[in-house]
Amino acid sequence: MNILTLAGVVLTASVLSLFLKQQRSDFSFLVALAAGCAVLFSLLAAIGEILDFSQTLGALSGIDNGNLQILFRVLGIAYVGQFASDLCRDAGESGLAGSVELAGRVLMVLLSLPLVSQLLEFVEQVLE
């Protein structure tokens, strides 16, 4: 799906959501949720291509595949967390949005701990 199609879907959903917000705010949220999910699902093929390319790049560069997996998992958490947070804010739940953002940050730090450990080991080896 190209960007013009995605933009059309999102703009149409935005206008529809705006009209529905005045009449039925619960349906307005569902329209926004459906549009967001449609965009995410349409990007799955592109995400797969990016992951395949990153594995090829990792193999050519000699970077450990596990480190690249951690990087892409952290990026995935960031994107999904932002999406969920935006949906919560659209629904008027800013407290839940903040909780989702905090959970995403904690999970990103948790996932990156092995990289921090490797970095500290490297620094220790260099200093010896």
N, C-alpha and C. Protein backbone atom coordinates (compact mmCIF):
# COMPACT_ATOMS: atom_id res chain seq x y z
N MET A 1 0.85 -1.17 0.00
CA MET A 1 0.00 0.00 0.00
C MET A 1 0.90 1.24 0.00
N ASN A 2 0.61 2.19 -0.86
CA ASN A 2 1.46 3.37 -0.93
C ASN A 2 0.98 4.45 0.03
N ILE A 3 1.76 5.49 0.16
CA ILE A 3 1.47 6.54 1.13
C ILE A 3 0.20 7.30 0.80
N LEU A 4 -0.12 7.44 -0.48
CA LEU A 4 -1.34 8.15 -0.84
C LEU A 4 -2.58 7.38 -0.39
N THR A 5 -2.55 6.08 -0.54
CA THR A 5 -3.67 5.26 -0.08
C THR A 5 -3.79 5.32 1.43
N LEU A 6 -2.66 5.19 2.11
CA LEU A 6 -2.68 5.27 3.58
C LEU A 6 -3.18 6.63 4.05
N ALA A 7 -2.70 7.69 3.42
CA ALA A 7 -3.15 9.03 3.79
C ALA A 7 -4.64 9.19 3.54
N GLY A 8 -5.12 8.64 2.44
CA GLY A 8 -6.55 8.70 2.14
C GLY A 8 -7.38 7.98 3.19
N VAL A 9 -6.93 6.80 3.58
CA VAL A 9 -7.66 6.04 4.61
C VAL A 9 -7.67 6.81 5.93
N VAL A 10 -6.52 7.35 6.30
CA VAL A 10 -6.42 8.05 7.58
C VAL A 10 -7.23 9.35 7.56
N LEU A 11 -7.15 10.11 6.47
CA LEU A 11 -7.91 11.35 6.39
C LEU A 11 -9.42 11.08 6.37
N THR A 12 -9.85 10.06 5.65
CA THR A 12 -11.26 9.70 5.63
C THR A 12 -11.73 9.30 7.02
N ALA A 13 -10.93 8.49 7.69
CA ALA A 13 -11.28 8.07 9.05
C ALA A 13 -11.30 9.27 9.99
N SER A 14 -10.39 10.22 9.80
CA SER A 14 -10.35 11.40 10.66
C SER A 14 -11.61 12.25 10.49
N VAL A 15 -12.02 12.46 9.25
CA VAL A 15 -13.22 13.25 8.99
C VAL A 15 -14.45 12.52 9.54
N LEU A 16 -14.53 11.23 9.30
CA LEU A 16 -15.65 10.45 9.82
C LEU A 16 -15.67 10.46 11.34
N SER A 17 -14.51 10.33 11.94
CA SER A 17 -14.40 10.36 13.38
C SER A 17 -14.82 11.71 13.95
N LEU A 18 -14.44 12.77 13.26
CA LEU A 18 -14.81 14.11 13.70
C LEU A 18 -16.32 14.30 13.68
N PHE A 19 -16.98 13.83 12.63
CA PHE A 19 -18.44 13.93 12.56
C PHE A 19 -19.11 13.06 13.62
N LEU A 20 -18.57 11.87 13.82
CA LEU A 20 -19.17 10.96 14.80
C LEU A 20 -18.94 11.42 16.23
N LYS A 21 -17.87 12.16 16.46
CA LYS A 21 -17.56 12.61 17.82
C LYS A 21 -18.68 13.47 18.38
N GLN A 22 -19.36 14.22 17.52
CA GLN A 22 -20.46 15.07 17.96
C GLN A 22 -21.69 14.25 18.31
N GLN A 23 -21.91 13.15 17.61
CA GLN A 23 -23.10 12.34 17.83
C GLN A 23 -22.85 11.18 18.77
N ARG A 24 -21.86 10.36 18.43
CA ARG A 24 -21.55 9.15 19.20
C ARG A 24 -20.04 9.04 19.37
N SER A 25 -19.53 9.50 20.50
CA SER A 25 -18.08 9.51 20.69
C SER A 25 -17.50 8.11 20.76
N ASP A 26 -18.31 7.12 21.19
CA ASP A 26 -17.80 5.75 21.25
C ASP A 26 -17.53 5.21 19.84
N PHE A 27 -18.37 5.53 18.89
CA PHE A 27 -18.14 5.10 17.51
C PHE A 27 -16.96 5.86 16.90
N SER A 28 -16.78 7.09 17.32
CA SER A 28 -15.65 7.88 16.83
C SER A 28 -14.34 7.20 17.20
N PHE A 29 -14.24 6.73 18.42
CA PHE A 29 -13.03 6.03 18.86
C PHE A 29 -12.84 4.74 18.07
N LEU A 30 -13.90 4.01 17.81
CA LEU A 30 -13.79 2.75 17.07
C LEU A 30 -13.33 2.99 15.63
N VAL A 31 -13.77 4.08 15.02
CA VAL A 31 -13.32 4.42 13.67
C VAL A 31 -11.82 4.71 13.68
N ALA A 32 -11.37 5.47 14.68
CA ALA A 32 -9.94 5.78 14.78
C ALA A 32 -9.13 4.51 15.03
N LEU A 33 -9.63 3.65 15.87
CA LEU A 33 -8.95 2.38 16.16
C LEU A 33 -8.87 1.51 14.91
N ALA A 34 -9.96 1.41 14.18
CA ALA A 34 -9.97 0.59 12.96
C ALA A 34 -9.01 1.15 11.91
N ALA A 35 -8.98 2.45 11.77
CA ALA A 35 -8.06 3.06 10.79
C ALA A 35 -6.60 2.82 11.20
N GLY A 36 -6.31 2.97 12.48
CA GLY A 36 -4.96 2.73 12.95
C GLY A 36 -4.53 1.29 12.74
N CYS A 37 -5.43 0.35 13.02
CA CYS A 37 -5.13 -1.06 12.81
C CYS A 37 -4.95 -1.37 11.33
N ALA A 38 -5.77 -0.76 10.48
CA ALA A 38 -5.63 -0.97 9.04
C ALA A 38 -4.27 -0.50 8.55
N VAL A 39 -3.81 0.63 9.06
CA VAL A 39 -2.49 1.14 8.66
C VAL A 39 -1.40 0.18 9.14
N LEU A 40 -1.50 -0.25 10.39
CA LEU A 40 -0.49 -1.17 10.92
C LEU A 40 -0.44 -2.47 10.13
N PHE A 41 -1.60 -3.04 9.85
CA PHE A 41 -1.64 -4.30 9.10
C PHE A 41 -1.13 -4.14 7.68
N SER A 42 -1.38 -2.97 7.09
CA SER A 42 -0.89 -2.76 5.72
C SER A 42 0.62 -2.60 5.69
N LEU A 43 1.22 -2.27 6.82
CA LEU A 43 2.67 -2.09 6.88
C LEU A 43 3.42 -3.36 7.26
N LEU A 44 2.72 -4.42 7.56
CA LEU A 44 3.39 -5.65 7.99
C LEU A 44 4.35 -6.19 6.93
N ALA A 45 3.98 -6.12 5.67
CA ALA A 45 4.86 -6.61 4.61
C ALA A 45 6.14 -5.77 4.55
N ALA A 46 5.99 -4.45 4.68
CA ALA A 46 7.16 -3.57 4.66
C ALA A 46 8.06 -3.84 5.87
N ILE A 47 7.46 -4.09 7.01
CA ILE A 47 8.24 -4.39 8.21
C ILE A 47 9.01 -5.69 8.01
N GLY A 48 8.39 -6.67 7.38
CA GLY A 48 9.07 -7.93 7.08
C GLY A 48 10.28 -7.73 6.18
N GLU A 49 10.12 -6.86 5.18
CA GLU A 49 11.25 -6.56 4.29
C GLU A 49 12.38 -5.87 5.04
N ILE A 50 12.04 -4.98 5.94
CA ILE A 50 13.06 -4.28 6.74
C ILE A 50 13.81 -5.28 7.61
N LEU A 51 13.09 -6.21 8.21
CA LEU A 51 13.74 -7.22 9.05
C LEU A 51 14.65 -8.13 8.23
N ASP A 52 14.20 -8.52 7.04
CA ASP A 52 15.04 -9.34 6.17
C ASP A 52 16.32 -8.59 5.77
N PHE A 53 16.17 -7.32 5.42
CA PHE A 53 17.33 -6.52 5.05
C PHE A 53 18.29 -6.36 6.23
N SER A 54 17.74 -6.17 7.42
CA SER A 54 18.61 -5.99 8.58
C SER A 54 19.39 -7.26 8.88
N GLN A 55 18.79 -8.42 8.66
CA GLN A 55 19.52 -9.66 8.87
C GLN A 55 20.64 -9.80 7.84
N THR A 56 20.37 -9.44 6.61
CA THR A 56 21.40 -9.47 5.57
C THR A 56 22.52 -8.49 5.91
N LEU A 57 22.14 -7.30 6.31
CA LEU A 57 23.13 -6.30 6.68
C LEU A 57 23.94 -6.76 7.88
N GLY A 58 23.29 -7.36 8.85
CA GLY A 58 24.01 -7.88 10.02
C GLY A 58 24.99 -8.97 9.65
N ALA A 59 24.61 -9.84 8.73
CA ALA A 59 25.50 -10.91 8.30
C ALA A 59 26.71 -10.35 7.56
N LEU A 60 26.49 -9.33 6.74
CA LEU A 60 27.60 -8.73 6.00
C LEU A 60 28.53 -7.92 6.90
N SER A 61 27.98 -7.29 7.91
CA SER A 61 28.79 -6.41 8.76
C SER A 61 29.44 -7.15 9.92
N GLY A 62 28.97 -8.33 10.21
CA GLY A 62 29.52 -9.09 11.33
C GLY A 62 28.90 -8.74 12.67
N ILE A 63 27.86 -7.91 12.67
CA ILE A 63 27.17 -7.56 13.90
C ILE A 63 26.35 -8.76 14.35
N ASP A 64 26.38 -9.03 15.64
CA ASP A 64 25.64 -10.15 16.20
C ASP A 64 24.14 -10.01 15.90
N ASN A 65 23.54 -11.06 15.40
CA ASN A 65 22.12 -11.06 15.05
C ASN A 65 21.25 -10.78 16.27
N GLY A 66 21.67 -11.25 17.43
CA GLY A 66 20.91 -11.02 18.65
C GLY A 66 20.81 -9.54 18.98
N ASN A 67 21.89 -8.80 18.73
CA ASN A 67 21.86 -7.36 18.98
C ASN A 67 20.89 -6.65 18.06
N LEU A 68 20.85 -7.07 16.80
CA LEU A 68 19.89 -6.47 15.87
C LEU A 68 18.45 -6.80 16.26
N GLN A 69 18.24 -8.01 16.75
CA GLN A 69 16.90 -8.38 17.20
C GLN A 69 16.46 -7.51 18.37
N ILE A 70 17.38 -7.26 19.28
CA ILE A 70 17.06 -6.39 20.42
C ILE A 70 16.69 -5.00 19.92
N LEU A 71 17.48 -4.48 18.98
CA LEU A 71 17.21 -3.16 18.45
C LEU A 71 15.82 -3.07 17.83
N PHE A 72 15.45 -4.06 17.02
CA PHE A 72 14.15 -4.01 16.38
C PHE A 72 13.00 -4.28 17.35
N ARG A 73 13.25 -5.07 18.38
CA ARG A 73 12.22 -5.25 19.41
C ARG A 73 11.97 -3.95 20.15
N VAL A 74 13.04 -3.24 20.46
CA VAL A 74 12.89 -1.95 21.14
C VAL A 74 12.14 -0.96 20.24
N LEU A 75 12.48 -0.94 18.97
CA LEU A 75 11.76 -0.06 18.03
C LEU A 75 10.28 -0.45 17.95
N GLY A 76 10.01 -1.75 17.92
CA GLY A 76 8.63 -2.22 17.89
C GLY A 76 7.86 -1.79 19.13
N ILE A 77 8.49 -1.91 20.29
CA ILE A 77 7.84 -1.48 21.53
C ILE A 77 7.56 0.02 21.47
N ALA A 78 8.50 0.79 20.96
CA ALA A 78 8.30 2.24 20.87
C ALA A 78 7.12 2.58 19.97
N TYR A 79 7.04 1.94 18.81
CA TYR A 79 5.94 2.24 17.89
C TYR A 79 4.59 1.78 18.42
N VAL A 80 4.54 0.58 18.94
CA VAL A 80 3.26 0.07 19.47
C VAL A 80 2.84 0.88 20.69
N GLY A 81 3.80 1.21 21.55
CA GLY A 81 3.47 2.02 22.72
C GLY A 81 2.95 3.39 22.34
N GLN A 82 3.57 4.01 21.34
CA GLN A 82 3.11 5.32 20.89
C GLN A 82 1.71 5.22 20.29
N PHE A 83 1.47 4.18 19.51
CA PHE A 83 0.15 3.97 18.90
C PHE A 83 -0.92 3.80 19.98
N ALA A 84 -0.64 2.95 20.96
CA ALA A 84 -1.60 2.71 22.04
C ALA A 84 -1.80 3.98 22.87
N SER A 85 -0.73 4.71 23.12
CA SER A 85 -0.83 5.95 23.88
C SER A 85 -1.68 6.98 23.16
N ASP A 86 -1.47 7.11 21.86
CA ASP A 86 -2.27 8.05 21.07
C ASP A 86 -3.74 7.68 21.08
N LEU A 87 -4.02 6.37 20.98
CA LEU A 87 -5.42 5.94 21.03
C LEU A 87 -6.05 6.25 22.39
N CYS A 88 -5.28 6.05 23.46
CA CYS A 88 -5.81 6.37 24.78
C CYS A 88 -6.09 7.86 24.91
N ARG A 89 -5.20 8.69 24.39
CA ARG A 89 -5.42 10.14 24.45
C ARG A 89 -6.65 10.53 23.63
N ASP A 90 -6.82 9.90 22.47
CA ASP A 90 -8.00 10.18 21.64
C ASP A 90 -9.28 9.82 22.36
N ALA A 91 -9.21 8.78 23.19
CA ALA A 91 -10.38 8.35 23.95
C ALA A 91 -10.57 9.17 25.21
N GLY A 92 -9.67 10.13 25.46
CA GLY A 92 -9.80 10.98 26.63
C GLY A 92 -9.20 10.38 27.89
N GLU A 93 -8.38 9.37 27.74
CA GLU A 93 -7.77 8.68 28.87
C GLU A 93 -6.28 9.00 28.93
N SER A 94 -5.95 10.22 29.33
CA SER A 94 -4.54 10.62 29.36
C SER A 94 -3.77 9.87 30.44
N GLY A 95 -4.43 9.49 31.52
CA GLY A 95 -3.77 8.70 32.56
C GLY A 95 -3.32 7.35 32.04
N LEU A 96 -4.19 6.68 31.29
CA LEU A 96 -3.83 5.40 30.69
C LEU A 96 -2.73 5.58 29.65
N ALA A 97 -2.78 6.68 28.92
CA ALA A 97 -1.74 6.95 27.92
C ALA A 97 -0.39 7.05 28.59
N GLY A 98 -0.33 7.75 29.71
CA GLY A 98 0.92 7.86 30.45
C GLY A 98 1.41 6.52 30.97
N SER A 99 0.47 5.68 31.39
CA SER A 99 0.84 4.34 31.87
C SER A 99 1.41 3.49 30.75
N VAL A 100 0.84 3.58 29.58
CA VAL A 100 1.34 2.82 28.43
C VAL A 100 2.74 3.31 28.07
N GLU A 101 2.94 4.61 28.09
CA GLU A 101 4.26 5.15 27.78
C GLU A 101 5.30 4.69 28.80
N LEU A 102 4.93 4.71 30.08
CA LEU A 102 5.85 4.26 31.12
C LEU A 102 6.18 2.78 30.95
N ALA A 103 5.16 1.97 30.68
CA ALA A 103 5.39 0.54 30.48
C ALA A 103 6.31 0.30 29.28
N GLY A 104 6.12 1.05 28.22
CA GLY A 104 6.99 0.92 27.04
C GLY A 104 8.43 1.27 27.37
N ARG A 105 8.62 2.33 28.13
CA ARG A 105 9.98 2.73 28.49
C ARG A 105 10.66 1.67 29.36
N VAL A 106 9.92 1.15 30.33
CA VAL A 106 10.48 0.12 31.21
C VAL A 106 10.85 -1.12 30.39
N LEU A 107 9.98 -1.53 29.47
CA LEU A 107 10.26 -2.71 28.66
C LEU A 107 11.46 -2.48 27.73
N MET A 108 11.61 -1.26 27.23
CA MET A 108 12.75 -0.97 26.37
C MET A 108 14.06 -1.03 27.17
N VAL A 109 14.05 -0.52 28.39
CA VAL A 109 15.25 -0.60 29.22
C VAL A 109 15.55 -2.05 29.55
N LEU A 110 14.51 -2.81 29.87
CA LEU A 110 14.69 -4.23 30.20
C LEU A 110 15.31 -5.00 29.04
N LEU A 111 14.81 -4.74 27.84
CA LEU A 111 15.35 -5.42 26.66
C LEU A 111 16.78 -5.01 26.35
N SER A 112 17.14 -3.78 26.68
CA SER A 112 18.48 -3.30 26.33
C SER A 112 19.54 -3.66 27.37
N LEU A 113 19.16 -4.27 28.49
CA LEU A 113 20.14 -4.63 29.52
C LEU A 113 21.26 -5.54 29.01
N PRO A 114 20.98 -6.54 28.17
CA PRO A 114 22.10 -7.34 27.65
C PRO A 114 23.11 -6.50 26.84
N LEU A 115 22.63 -5.50 26.11
CA LEU A 115 23.54 -4.64 25.36
C LEU A 115 24.39 -3.79 26.30
N VAL A 116 23.77 -3.30 27.37
CA VAL A 116 24.52 -2.52 28.35
C VAL A 116 25.58 -3.40 29.01
N SER A 117 25.22 -4.63 29.30
CA SER A 117 26.17 -5.56 29.89
C SER A 117 27.35 -5.81 28.96
N GLN A 118 27.07 -6.02 27.68
CA GLN A 118 28.14 -6.22 26.70
C GLN A 118 29.03 -4.98 26.59
N LEU A 119 28.42 -3.81 26.64
CA LEU A 119 29.18 -2.57 26.57
C LEU A 119 30.11 -2.44 27.78
N LEU A 120 29.61 -2.75 28.96
CA LEU A 120 30.44 -2.68 30.17
C LEU A 120 31.59 -3.68 30.11
N GLU A 121 31.32 -4.88 29.61
CA GLU A 121 32.40 -5.87 29.45
C GLU A 121 33.46 -5.39 28.48
N PHE A 122 33.03 -4.76 27.41
CA PHE A 122 33.96 -4.23 26.43
C PHE A 122 34.83 -3.13 27.04
N VAL A 123 34.20 -2.21 27.77
CA VAL A 123 34.94 -1.14 28.42
C VAL A 123 35.93 -1.71 29.42
N GLU A 124 35.53 -2.72 30.15
CA GLU A 124 36.42 -3.37 31.13
C GLU A 124 37.63 -3.99 30.43
N GLN A 125 37.39 -4.63 29.28
CA GLN A 125 38.50 -5.24 28.53
C GLN A 125 39.44 -4.18 27.99
N VAL A 126 38.90 -3.06 27.54
CA VAL A 126 39.74 -2.00 26.99
C VAL A 126 40.59 -1.38 28.10
N LEU A 127 40.03 -1.22 29.28
CA LEU A 127 40.76 -0.60 30.38
C LEU A 127 41.85 -1.49 30.96
N GLU A 128 41.75 -2.80 30.73
CA GLU A 128 42.78 -3.71 31.26
C GLU A 128 44.01 -3.73 30.47
